[in-house]
N, C-alpha and C. Protein backbone atom coordinates (compact mmCIF):
# COMPACT_ATOMS: atom_id res chain seq x y z
N MET A 1 -53.19 -14.29 26.65
CA MET A 1 -52.93 -14.46 27.62
C MET A 1 -51.78 -14.79 28.10
N GLN A 2 -51.14 -14.65 27.65
CA GLN A 2 -49.26 -14.79 28.11
C GLN A 2 -48.99 -14.09 28.65
N ALA A 3 -49.51 -13.02 27.50
CA ALA A 3 -49.08 -11.34 28.01
C ALA A 3 -49.12 -11.10 29.78
N ALA A 4 -50.92 -11.80 29.68
CA ALA A 4 -51.46 -11.16 31.17
C ALA A 4 -50.81 -11.56 32.56
N THR A 5 -50.07 -13.21 31.98
CA THR A 5 -49.71 -14.16 32.97
C THR A 5 -48.11 -12.98 33.44
N ALA A 6 -47.76 -13.07 32.21
CA ALA A 6 -46.15 -12.46 32.58
C ALA A 6 -46.33 -11.24 32.81
N LYS A 7 -47.63 -10.14 32.92
CA LYS A 7 -47.62 -9.03 33.67
C LYS A 7 -48.08 -9.41 34.59
N ARG A 8 -48.68 -10.10 35.40
CA ARG A 8 -48.38 -10.94 36.57
C ARG A 8 -47.60 -10.93 37.45
N ILE A 9 -46.73 -11.57 36.64
CA ILE A 9 -45.36 -12.16 37.52
C ILE A 9 -44.38 -11.12 37.56
N VAL A 10 -44.84 -10.83 37.13
CA VAL A 10 -43.67 -8.69 36.24
C VAL A 10 -43.99 -8.09 38.07
N GLU A 11 -45.67 -7.90 37.74
CA GLU A 11 -46.02 -7.19 38.97
C GLU A 11 -45.89 -7.12 40.64
N ASP A 12 -46.09 -9.37 40.98
CA ASP A 12 -45.50 -9.80 41.73
C ASP A 12 -44.20 -9.59 42.25
N ARG A 13 -42.94 -9.78 41.53
CA ARG A 13 -41.56 -9.81 41.61
C ARG A 13 -41.16 -8.15 41.72
N ARG A 14 -42.14 -7.22 41.55
CA ARG A 14 -42.17 -6.22 41.59
C ARG A 14 -42.20 -5.68 43.72
N ARG A 15 -43.55 -6.17 43.88
CA ARG A 15 -44.10 -6.42 44.81
C ARG A 15 -43.35 -7.41 45.81
N ARG A 16 -42.93 -8.15 45.82
CA ARG A 16 -42.01 -8.80 46.45
C ARG A 16 -40.77 -9.54 46.05
N GLY A 17 -40.45 -9.04 45.38
CA GLY A 17 -38.86 -9.20 45.55
C GLY A 17 -38.66 -10.17 44.25
N LYS A 18 -37.13 -10.02 44.33
CA LYS A 18 -36.35 -11.52 43.26
C LYS A 18 -36.95 -13.14 43.71
N HIS A 19 -36.98 -12.65 45.09
CA HIS A 19 -37.52 -14.56 45.36
C HIS A 19 -38.50 -14.72 46.11
N LEU A 20 -38.94 -14.50 44.46
CA LEU A 20 -40.92 -14.82 44.27
C LEU A 20 -41.02 -16.65 43.67
N LYS A 21 -41.83 -17.42 45.23
CA LYS A 21 -42.27 -18.65 45.31
C LYS A 21 -43.03 -18.82 44.52
N GLN A 22 -43.75 -19.70 44.68
CA GLN A 22 -44.66 -20.46 43.42
C GLN A 22 -45.51 -20.60 44.59
N HIS A 23 -46.64 -20.02 44.27
CA HIS A 23 -47.98 -19.44 45.03
C HIS A 23 -48.56 -21.10 46.46
N SER A 24 -48.24 -20.50 47.77
CA SER A 24 -48.11 -21.77 48.77
C SER A 24 -49.84 -21.10 49.28
N GLY A 25 -49.53 -20.51 49.07
CA GLY A 25 -51.24 -19.79 50.19
C GLY A 25 -51.15 -19.27 51.16
N ARG A 26 -49.76 -18.70 51.54
CA ARG A 26 -48.91 -17.86 52.63
C ARG A 26 -48.52 -16.58 51.95
N THR A 27 -48.21 -15.68 52.73
CA THR A 27 -47.63 -14.30 52.20
C THR A 27 -46.31 -14.59 52.66
N PRO A 28 -45.36 -13.52 51.77
CA PRO A 28 -44.47 -13.42 52.27
C PRO A 28 -43.57 -13.76 53.90
N GLY A 29 -44.65 -13.18 54.76
CA GLY A 29 -43.78 -13.61 56.29
C GLY A 29 -44.49 -15.03 56.79
N GLY A 30 -45.03 -15.80 55.49
CA GLY A 30 -45.32 -17.25 56.11
C GLY A 30 -46.63 -16.77 57.19
N GLN A 31 -47.71 -16.04 56.91
CA GLN A 31 -48.95 -16.27 57.49
C GLN A 31 -49.54 -16.70 55.58
N LYS A 32 -50.61 -17.12 56.43
CA LYS A 32 -51.89 -17.91 55.95
C LYS A 32 -52.50 -17.09 55.44
N LEU A 33 -52.73 -17.57 54.09
CA LEU A 33 -53.56 -15.96 53.59
C LEU A 33 -55.11 -16.49 53.52
N SER A 34 -55.87 -15.57 54.21
CA SER A 34 -57.25 -15.80 54.10
C SER A 34 -57.92 -14.80 53.63
N PRO A 35 -58.89 -15.25 53.45
CA PRO A 35 -60.37 -14.41 52.15
C PRO A 35 -60.28 -13.14 52.17
N ALA A 36 -60.18 -12.53 53.95
CA ALA A 36 -60.63 -10.98 54.39
C ALA A 36 -59.11 -10.35 53.91
N SER A 37 -58.17 -11.22 53.82
CA SER A 37 -56.21 -10.79 53.42
C SER A 37 -56.05 -10.68 51.93
N LEU A 38 -57.19 -10.92 51.28
CA LEU A 38 -57.19 -11.44 50.33
C LEU A 38 -58.12 -10.03 49.11
N ILE A 39 -59.28 -10.02 49.74
CA ILE A 39 -59.83 -8.86 49.97
C ILE A 39 -59.42 -8.01 49.77
N ARG A 40 -58.29 -7.51 51.40
CA ARG A 40 -57.34 -6.15 51.66
C ARG A 40 -57.20 -6.08 50.88
N ALA A 41 -55.97 -6.97 50.01
CA ALA A 41 -55.01 -7.25 48.78
C ALA A 41 -55.96 -6.21 47.86
N TYR A 42 -56.27 -6.41 47.50
CA TYR A 42 -57.11 -6.35 46.45
C TYR A 42 -58.00 -4.69 46.27
N GLN A 43 -58.28 -4.56 47.56
CA GLN A 43 -59.32 -2.83 47.59
C GLN A 43 -57.82 -2.23 47.39
N GLU A 44 -56.62 -2.76 48.37
CA GLU A 44 -55.32 -1.74 47.77
C GLU A 44 -54.61 -1.76 47.22
N GLU A 45 -55.10 -2.42 45.82
CA GLU A 45 -54.75 -2.42 44.86
C GLU A 45 -55.78 -1.72 43.70
N VAL A 46 -57.22 -1.18 44.04
CA VAL A 46 -57.42 -0.68 43.38
C VAL A 46 -57.24 0.63 44.03
N ASP A 47 -57.84 1.14 45.05
CA ASP A 47 -57.14 2.32 45.73
C ASP A 47 -56.07 2.74 44.85
N ARG A 48 -54.79 2.28 45.31
CA ARG A 48 -53.56 2.28 44.28
C ARG A 48 -54.13 2.53 42.72
N LYS A 49 -54.94 1.94 42.26
CA LYS A 49 -54.93 2.68 40.53
C LYS A 49 -55.99 3.64 40.68
N ARG A 50 -56.77 3.53 41.63
CA ARG A 50 -57.70 4.69 41.64
C ARG A 50 -56.92 6.22 41.31
N SER A 51 -56.03 6.16 42.12
CA SER A 51 -54.94 7.31 42.77
C SER A 51 -53.91 7.44 41.50
N MET A 52 -53.97 6.33 41.00
CA MET A 52 -53.08 6.77 39.59
C MET A 52 -53.80 7.61 38.68
N ILE A 53 -55.43 7.27 37.97
CA ILE A 53 -55.98 7.14 37.37
C ILE A 53 -56.61 9.44 37.48
N ARG A 54 -56.57 9.91 38.98
CA ARG A 54 -56.61 10.81 39.89
C ARG A 54 -55.74 11.81 39.38
N ARG A 55 -54.55 11.28 39.82
CA ARG A 55 -53.21 11.94 39.20
C ARG A 55 -53.01 12.06 37.71
N ALA A 56 -53.44 10.71 36.76
CA ALA A 56 -52.84 11.43 35.63
C ALA A 56 -54.16 12.30 35.12
N ASP A 57 -55.16 12.24 35.06
CA ASP A 57 -56.48 13.05 35.04
C ASP A 57 -55.89 14.98 35.27
N ALA A 58 -55.36 14.74 36.52
CA ALA A 58 -55.15 16.55 37.47
C ALA A 58 -53.91 17.03 36.06
N ALA A 59 -52.76 15.75 35.96
CA ALA A 59 -52.13 16.02 34.87
C ALA A 59 -52.47 17.09 33.57
N ARG A 60 -53.72 15.55 32.94
CA ARG A 60 -53.75 16.31 32.18
C ARG A 60 -54.42 17.54 31.88
N ASP A 61 -55.44 18.09 32.94
CA ASP A 61 -55.70 18.92 32.78
C ASP A 61 -55.19 19.82 33.23
N ARG A 62 -54.36 20.22 34.02
CA ARG A 62 -53.11 21.39 33.96
C ARG A 62 -52.40 20.95 32.36
N LEU A 63 -51.96 20.22 31.74
CA LEU A 63 -51.37 20.07 30.35
C LEU A 63 -52.07 21.31 29.27
N LEU A 64 -53.33 20.87 29.30
CA LEU A 64 -54.41 20.96 28.97
C LEU A 64 -54.34 22.72 29.02
N LEU A 65 -54.80 22.86 30.41
CA LEU A 65 -54.57 24.58 30.61
C LEU A 65 -53.85 25.33 30.38
N VAL A 66 -52.07 24.96 30.49
CA VAL A 66 -50.69 25.24 29.73
C VAL A 66 -50.71 25.32 28.42
N THR A 67 -51.14 24.70 27.66
CA THR A 67 -51.48 24.29 26.02
C THR A 67 -52.27 25.50 25.65
N GLU A 68 -53.61 25.45 26.72
CA GLU A 68 -53.91 26.91 25.33
C GLU A 68 -53.63 27.80 26.02
N ALA A 69 -53.67 28.56 27.43
CA ALA A 69 -52.53 29.76 27.97
C ALA A 69 -52.31 29.69 26.95
N LEU A 70 -50.71 28.98 26.00
CA LEU A 70 -50.34 29.06 25.21
C LEU A 70 -50.26 29.59 24.12
N ARG A 71 -50.73 28.77 24.02
CA ARG A 71 -52.12 29.17 22.14
C ARG A 71 -52.55 30.48 21.78
N ARG A 72 -53.03 30.55 23.19
CA ARG A 72 -53.64 32.18 23.12
C ARG A 72 -52.61 33.55 23.26
N LEU A 73 -51.26 33.28 23.93
CA LEU A 73 -50.44 34.17 23.98
C LEU A 73 -50.15 34.32 22.56
N ARG A 74 -50.01 33.65 21.97
CA ARG A 74 -49.03 32.84 20.61
C ARG A 74 -50.12 33.85 19.78
N ARG A 75 -50.89 33.55 19.91
CA ARG A 75 -52.15 34.67 19.04
C ARG A 75 -51.75 36.36 19.35
N SER A 76 -51.33 36.74 20.48
CA SER A 76 -51.29 38.07 20.75
C SER A 76 -49.96 38.72 19.91
N GLU A 77 -50.34 39.50 19.21
CA GLU A 77 -48.83 40.19 18.57
C GLU A 77 -48.29 40.88 19.33
N GLN A 78 -48.42 41.67 20.54
CA GLN A 78 -47.62 42.37 21.42
C GLN A 78 -46.18 40.92 22.19
N PHE A 79 -47.35 40.30 22.73
CA PHE A 79 -46.84 39.31 23.22
C PHE A 79 -46.08 39.05 22.96
N MET A 80 -45.72 38.34 21.58
CA MET A 80 -44.77 37.45 20.32
C MET A 80 -44.21 38.74 20.28
N ALA A 81 -44.36 40.08 20.15
CA ALA A 81 -42.90 40.50 20.09
C ALA A 81 -42.06 41.12 20.89
N LEU A 82 -42.82 40.94 22.49
CA LEU A 82 -42.16 41.10 23.69
C LEU A 82 -41.35 40.24 24.34
N LEU A 83 -41.49 39.05 23.53
CA LEU A 83 -40.62 37.83 23.69
C LEU A 83 -40.04 37.86 22.44
N GLU A 84 -39.72 38.24 21.47
CA GLU A 84 -38.47 38.52 20.49
C GLU A 84 -37.44 39.16 20.76
N ASP A 85 -38.20 41.08 21.36
CA ASP A 85 -37.22 41.84 22.02
C ASP A 85 -36.34 41.23 23.33
N GLU A 86 -36.89 40.53 24.02
CA GLU A 86 -35.99 39.34 25.20
C GLU A 86 -35.22 38.60 24.26
N ASP A 87 -35.28 38.05 23.31
CA ASP A 87 -34.57 36.81 22.20
C ASP A 87 -35.66 35.19 23.19
N LEU A 88 -36.63 35.54 22.94
CA LEU A 88 -36.80 34.37 23.84
C LEU A 88 -38.36 33.79 22.80
N ALA A 89 -38.38 34.13 21.26
CA ALA A 89 -39.41 33.69 20.46
C ALA A 89 -39.21 31.87 20.15
N THR A 90 -38.02 31.30 20.66
CA THR A 90 -38.53 30.54 19.88
C THR A 90 -39.00 29.00 21.20
N MET A 91 -38.96 27.82 20.64
CA MET A 91 -39.36 26.83 21.82
C MET A 91 -38.95 25.94 21.39
N PRO A 92 -39.07 24.45 22.29
CA PRO A 92 -39.04 23.04 21.86
C PRO A 92 -39.85 22.88 20.62
N GLU A 93 -39.12 21.80 19.89
CA GLU A 93 -40.64 21.66 19.20
C GLU A 93 -41.24 20.81 19.16
N ASN A 94 -41.02 19.72 20.12
CA ASN A 94 -42.57 19.17 20.47
C ASN A 94 -43.65 20.07 21.01
N ILE A 95 -43.32 20.87 21.77
CA ILE A 95 -43.95 22.31 22.74
C ILE A 95 -45.05 22.63 21.15
N ALA A 96 -43.97 23.51 20.11
CA ALA A 96 -44.48 23.72 19.21
C ALA A 96 -45.71 23.37 18.71
N ALA A 97 -45.05 21.77 18.46
CA ALA A 97 -46.29 21.16 17.67
C ALA A 97 -46.92 20.80 18.26
N ARG A 98 -47.40 20.83 19.72
CA ARG A 98 -48.76 20.69 20.56
C ARG A 98 -49.27 21.50 19.96
N LEU A 99 -48.53 22.91 20.10
CA LEU A 99 -49.52 24.23 20.38
C LEU A 99 -50.50 24.29 18.18
N THR A 100 -49.38 23.77 17.31
CA THR A 100 -50.21 24.02 15.92
C THR A 100 -50.99 23.26 16.01
N GLN A 101 -51.56 21.85 16.50
CA GLN A 101 -52.20 21.22 16.54
C GLN A 101 -54.09 21.41 16.45
N ALA A 102 -54.32 21.62 15.32
CA ALA A 102 -55.53 22.31 16.00
C ALA A 102 -56.62 21.34 16.80
N GLY A 103 -57.29 22.07 18.08
CA GLY A 103 -57.83 21.52 18.10
C GLY A 103 -56.99 20.08 19.05
N ALA A 104 -55.72 20.52 19.99
CA ALA A 104 -55.45 19.09 20.13
C ALA A 104 -55.62 18.47 21.24
N ARG A 105 -55.22 17.31 21.42
CA ARG A 105 -55.37 17.13 22.84
C ARG A 105 -54.40 16.43 23.93
N PRO A 106 -53.70 16.84 25.19
CA PRO A 106 -53.13 16.34 26.12
C PRO A 106 -52.88 14.59 25.67
């Protein structure tokens, strides 16, 4: 429960700045909070998180596509020979590890 409270405080501070006051039922502009404004703020937060999920899903899908393409290219002897001829046969360890994992997921 304390972690959730701390997270809420950090999020409030991130949104409103350092001068976060106790909840007085007013917005930073001094306007009284209404049920409609609370619903609107909630909906904006839901929309923001849905957008973030869509972007994360798209990034995961692209990573999976690139990983599978590289995995298939590494199986090609001609492609590997071409890389060696061009002195490009090495790759970063984290990428190589991802490609060698059987059935790896991003």
